[in-house]
Amino acid sequence: MNMKLELYGASRDFSKESFIIFNLKEKSTIKELRVAIINFIEENFQNNENYKKIVNSSAFCSDKDEIVNDNYKISNNEKVGIIPPIGGG
């Protein structure tokens, strides 16, 4: 399934666009999305550890603007936002 990851804050450096499209298996979770983003960073940014830290410390929100946990199941064509911490926290 395709899903659109909307980039906010420091994560905007992950792409020239304000989003990245990921192709995930059906009913993937936010935890599985984090792994896909880390793999994307490894492939595109030579294992940039700072970017990986951003992913691991970020919150995610559904297309209903609700913060979701790592067990949240993503539906097909859903937009999910990555919200990095501001000011290191």
Protein backbone atom coordinates (compact mmCIF):
# COMPACT_ATOMS: atom_id res chain seq x y z
CA MET A 1 0.00 0.00 0.00
CA ASN A 2 1.10 3.56 -0.58
CA MET A 3 1.16 6.13 2.16
CA LYS A 4 2.30 9.72 2.26
CA LEU A 5 4.64 10.83 5.04
CA GLU A 6 4.30 14.58 5.56
CA LEU A 7 7.53 16.16 6.79
CA TYR A 8 7.61 18.84 9.49
CA GLY A 9 10.39 20.65 11.31
CA ALA A 10 13.85 19.11 11.04
CA SER A 11 12.48 16.16 9.03
CA ARG A 12 11.97 18.53 6.07
CA ASP A 13 15.65 17.89 5.31
CA PHE A 14 14.78 14.28 4.35
CA SER A 15 13.41 15.39 0.95
CA LYS A 16 13.26 18.32 -1.46
CA GLU A 17 9.47 17.90 -1.27
CA SER A 18 7.40 18.37 1.88
CA PHE A 19 6.58 14.65 1.86
CA ILE A 20 7.86 11.16 1.00
CA ILE A 21 5.74 8.36 -0.45
CA PHE A 22 6.35 4.94 1.09
CA ASN A 23 5.11 1.60 -0.19
CA LEU A 24 4.34 -0.51 2.91
CA LYS A 25 2.58 -3.81 3.45
CA GLU A 26 -1.14 -3.63 4.27
CA LYS A 27 -1.99 -2.54 7.84
CA SER A 28 1.58 -1.52 8.65
CA THR A 29 2.14 0.20 11.98
CA ILE A 30 3.94 3.41 12.86
CA LYS A 31 6.73 1.21 14.26
CA GLU A 32 7.13 -0.39 10.82
CA LEU A 33 7.04 3.06 9.21
CA ARG A 34 9.90 4.17 11.48
CA VAL A 35 11.95 1.22 10.17
CA ALA A 36 11.11 2.19 6.56
CA ILE A 37 12.19 5.78 7.22
CA ILE A 38 15.47 4.62 8.81
CA ASN A 39 16.10 2.41 5.74
CA PHE A 40 15.38 5.43 3.51
CA ILE A 41 17.93 7.47 5.48
CA GLU A 42 20.53 4.70 5.26
CA GLU A 43 20.10 4.55 1.48
CA ASN A 44 19.92 8.28 0.79
CA PHE A 45 22.03 9.95 3.49
CA GLN A 46 24.92 7.54 4.18
CA ASN A 47 23.57 6.44 7.58
CA ASN A 48 23.20 10.01 8.90
CA GLU A 49 22.95 9.35 12.65
CA ASN A 50 21.36 12.75 13.35
CA TYR A 51 18.53 11.99 10.94
CA LYS A 52 18.05 8.59 12.56
CA LYS A 53 17.82 10.27 15.98
CA ILE A 54 15.15 12.58 14.60
CA VAL A 55 13.09 9.61 13.42
CA ASN A 56 13.46 7.70 16.68
CA SER A 57 12.50 10.69 18.84
CA SER A 58 9.65 12.00 16.68
CA ALA A 59 5.93 11.80 17.28
CA PHE A 60 3.58 10.89 14.45
CA CYS A 61 0.11 12.21 13.68
CA SER A 62 -2.73 10.72 11.67
CA ASP A 63 -4.48 12.54 8.86
CA LYS A 64 -7.06 13.50 11.51
CA ASP A 65 -4.33 15.53 13.30
CA GLU A 66 -4.23 13.12 16.24
CA ILE A 67 -0.95 11.98 17.78
CA VAL A 68 -0.70 8.21 17.29
CA ASN A 69 1.46 5.59 19.00
CA ASP A 70 3.75 3.00 17.44
CA ASN A 71 0.96 0.39 17.31
CA TYR A 72 -1.31 2.60 15.17
CA LYS A 73 -2.22 0.80 11.92
CA ILE A 74 -1.86 2.91 8.80
CA SER A 75 -4.55 2.56 6.16
CA ASN A 76 -4.01 2.62 2.39
CA ASN A 77 -3.36 6.10 0.97
CA GLU A 78 -3.37 7.62 4.46
CA LYS A 79 -1.30 10.73 5.16
CA VAL A 80 0.83 10.53 8.29
CA GLY A 81 2.92 13.39 9.63
CA ILE A 82 6.28 13.09 11.37
CA ILE A 83 6.70 15.68 14.12
CA PRO A 84 10.29 15.99 15.36
CA PRO A 85 10.98 17.38 18.82
CA ILE A 86 11.63 21.10 18.98
CA GLY A 87 14.67 22.38 20.84
CA GLY A 88 16.06 18.90 21.46
CA GLY A 89 13.17 17.75 23.64
